[in-house]
Amino acid sequence: MTTNTQKIRVLVAKPGLDGHDRGAKVVARALRDAGLEVIYTGIRQTPDMIAESALQEDVDVIGLSILSGAHMAL
């Protein structure tokens, strides 16, 4: 029997100019507490920055936190 002990890797990012990151941090903490490995990139990320981080970190999932619609201008 083979067991896979590798954690799921999640990238949490805030695209656009919205600087409100409390919700993203709450989600990141909840995912971490559930046993996932979380990479939080911070606020004001461009799509290219998020994609590059996802590739560099070899993540399984990308989570975007968007509040104000600021991502629409990207």
C-alpha atoms as a PDB file:
ATOM      1  CA  MET A   1       0.000   0.000   0.000  1.00  0.00           C
ATOM      2  CA  THR A   2       1.369   3.398  -0.975  1.00  0.00           C
ATOM      3  CA  THR A   3       0.512   6.571   0.916  1.00  0.00           C
ATOM      4  CA  ASN A   4       1.047  10.027  -0.473  1.00  0.00           C
ATOM      5  CA  THR A   5       2.102  12.377   2.330  1.00  0.00           C
ATOM      6  CA  GLN A   6       2.824  15.333   0.067  1.00  0.00           C
ATOM      7  CA  LYS A   7       0.696  18.332   1.027  1.00  0.00           C
ATOM      8  CA  ILE A   8      -1.491  20.091  -1.506  1.00  0.00           C
ATOM      9  CA  ARG A   9       0.172  23.417  -2.374  1.00  0.00           C
ATOM     10  CA  VAL A  10      -2.109  26.451  -2.687  1.00  0.00           C
ATOM     11  CA  LEU A  11      -1.138  29.905  -3.913  1.00  0.00           C
ATOM     12  CA  VAL A  12      -3.349  32.693  -2.532  1.00  0.00           C
ATOM     13  CA  ALA A  13      -3.068  36.027  -4.347  1.00  0.00           C
ATOM     14  CA  LYS A  14      -4.728  39.459  -4.487  1.00  0.00           C
ATOM     15  CA  PRO A  15      -4.881  40.765  -8.066  1.00  0.00           C
ATOM     16  CA  GLY A  16      -5.504  44.387  -8.909  1.00  0.00           C
ATOM     17  CA  LEU A  17      -5.285  47.520  -6.816  1.00  0.00           C
ATOM     18  CA  ASP A  18      -7.535  46.379  -3.964  1.00  0.00           C
ATOM     19  CA  GLY A  19      -5.499  46.586  -0.762  1.00  0.00           C
ATOM     20  CA  HIS A  20      -7.948  44.802   1.533  1.00  0.00           C
ATOM     21  CA  ASP A  21      -6.281  41.496   2.328  1.00  0.00           C
ATOM     22  CA  ARG A  22      -7.931  40.368   5.564  1.00  0.00           C
ATOM     23  CA  GLY A  23     -10.223  37.874   3.806  1.00  0.00           C
ATOM     24  CA  ALA A  24      -7.351  36.375   1.820  1.00  0.00           C
ATOM     25  CA  LYS A  25      -5.316  35.964   5.002  1.00  0.00           C
ATOM     26  CA  VAL A  26      -8.246  34.324   6.803  1.00  0.00           C
ATOM     27  CA  VAL A  27      -8.673  31.841   3.946  1.00  0.00           C
ATOM     28  CA  ALA A  28      -4.915  31.201   3.797  1.00  0.00           C
ATOM     29  CA  ARG A  29      -4.822  30.492   7.543  1.00  0.00           C
ATOM     30  CA  ALA A  30      -7.843  28.183   7.338  1.00  0.00           C
ATOM     31  CA  LEU A  31      -6.263  26.222   4.494  1.00  0.00           C
ATOM     32  CA  ARG A  32      -2.989  25.977   6.419  1.00  0.00           C
ATOM     33  CA  ASP A  33      -4.824  24.812   9.543  1.00  0.00           C
ATOM     34  CA  ALA A  34      -6.563  22.162   7.407  1.00  0.00           C
ATOM     35  CA  GLY A  35      -3.155  20.753   6.476  1.00  0.00           C
ATOM     36  CA  LEU A  36      -2.475  22.379   3.116  1.00  0.00           C
ATOM     37  CA  GLU A  37       0.739  24.185   2.264  1.00  0.00           C
ATOM     38  CA  VAL A  38      -0.106  27.827   1.530  1.00  0.00           C
ATOM     39  CA  ILE A  39       1.928  30.431  -0.321  1.00  0.00           C
ATOM     40  CA  TYR A  40       0.520  33.947   0.104  1.00  0.00           C
ATOM     41  CA  THR A  41       1.850  36.442  -2.443  1.00  0.00           C
ATOM     42  CA  GLY A  42       0.347  39.585  -0.950  1.00  0.00           C
ATOM     43  CA  ILE A  43      -1.594  42.466  -2.458  1.00  0.00           C
ATOM     44  CA  ARG A  44      -1.464  44.281  -5.795  1.00  0.00           C
ATOM     45  CA  GLN A  45      -0.373  41.321  -7.903  1.00  0.00           C
ATOM     46  CA  THR A  46      -0.622  41.345 -11.690  1.00  0.00           C
ATOM     47  CA  PRO A  47      -1.807  38.246 -13.566  1.00  0.00           C
ATOM     48  CA  ASP A  48       1.763  37.738 -14.810  1.00  0.00           C
ATOM     49  CA  MET A  49       3.154  37.939 -11.268  1.00  0.00           C
ATOM     50  CA  ILE A  50       0.599  35.416 -10.034  1.00  0.00           C
ATOM     51  CA  ALA A  51       1.291  33.011 -12.903  1.00  0.00           C
ATOM     52  CA  GLU A  52       5.055  33.286 -12.387  1.00  0.00           C
ATOM     53  CA  SER A  53       4.704  32.631  -8.652  1.00  0.00           C
ATOM     54  CA  ALA A  54       2.478  29.628  -9.338  1.00  0.00           C
ATOM     55  CA  LEU A  55       5.052  28.158 -11.712  1.00  0.00           C
ATOM     56  CA  GLN A  56       7.984  28.847  -9.388  1.00  0.00           C
ATOM     57  CA  GLU A  57       6.194  27.387  -6.378  1.00  0.00           C
ATOM     58  CA  ASP A  58       4.825  24.399  -8.341  1.00  0.00           C
ATOM     59  CA  VAL A  59       1.377  24.807  -6.790  1.00  0.00           C
ATOM     60  CA  ASP A  60      -1.641  22.584  -7.267  1.00  0.00           C
ATOM     61  CA  VAL A  61      -4.254  25.319  -6.790  1.00  0.00           C
ATOM     62  CA  ILE A  62      -4.447  29.103  -7.251  1.00  0.00           C
ATOM     63  CA  GLY A  63      -6.880  31.052  -5.081  1.00  0.00           C
ATOM     64  CA  LEU A  64      -7.708  34.654  -5.960  1.00  0.00           C
ATOM     65  CA  SER A  65      -9.229  37.101  -3.503  1.00  0.00           C
ATOM     66  CA  ILE A  66     -11.116  39.880  -5.278  1.00  0.00           C
ATOM     67  CA  LEU A  67     -13.322  42.401  -3.481  1.00  0.00           C
ATOM     68  CA  SER A  68     -13.786  45.589  -5.432  1.00  0.00           C
ATOM     69  CA  GLY A  69     -13.746  44.581  -9.066  1.00  0.00           C
ATOM     70  CA  ALA A  70     -10.312  46.187  -9.500  1.00  0.00           C
ATOM     71  CA  HIS A  71      -9.217  43.034 -11.303  1.00  0.00           C
ATOM     72  CA  MET A  72     -11.426  43.980 -14.245  1.00  0.00           C
ATOM     73  CA  ALA A  73      -8.915  46.633 -15.369  1.00  0.00           C
ATOM     74  CA  LEU A  74      -6.136  44.060 -15.572  1.00  0.00           C
END
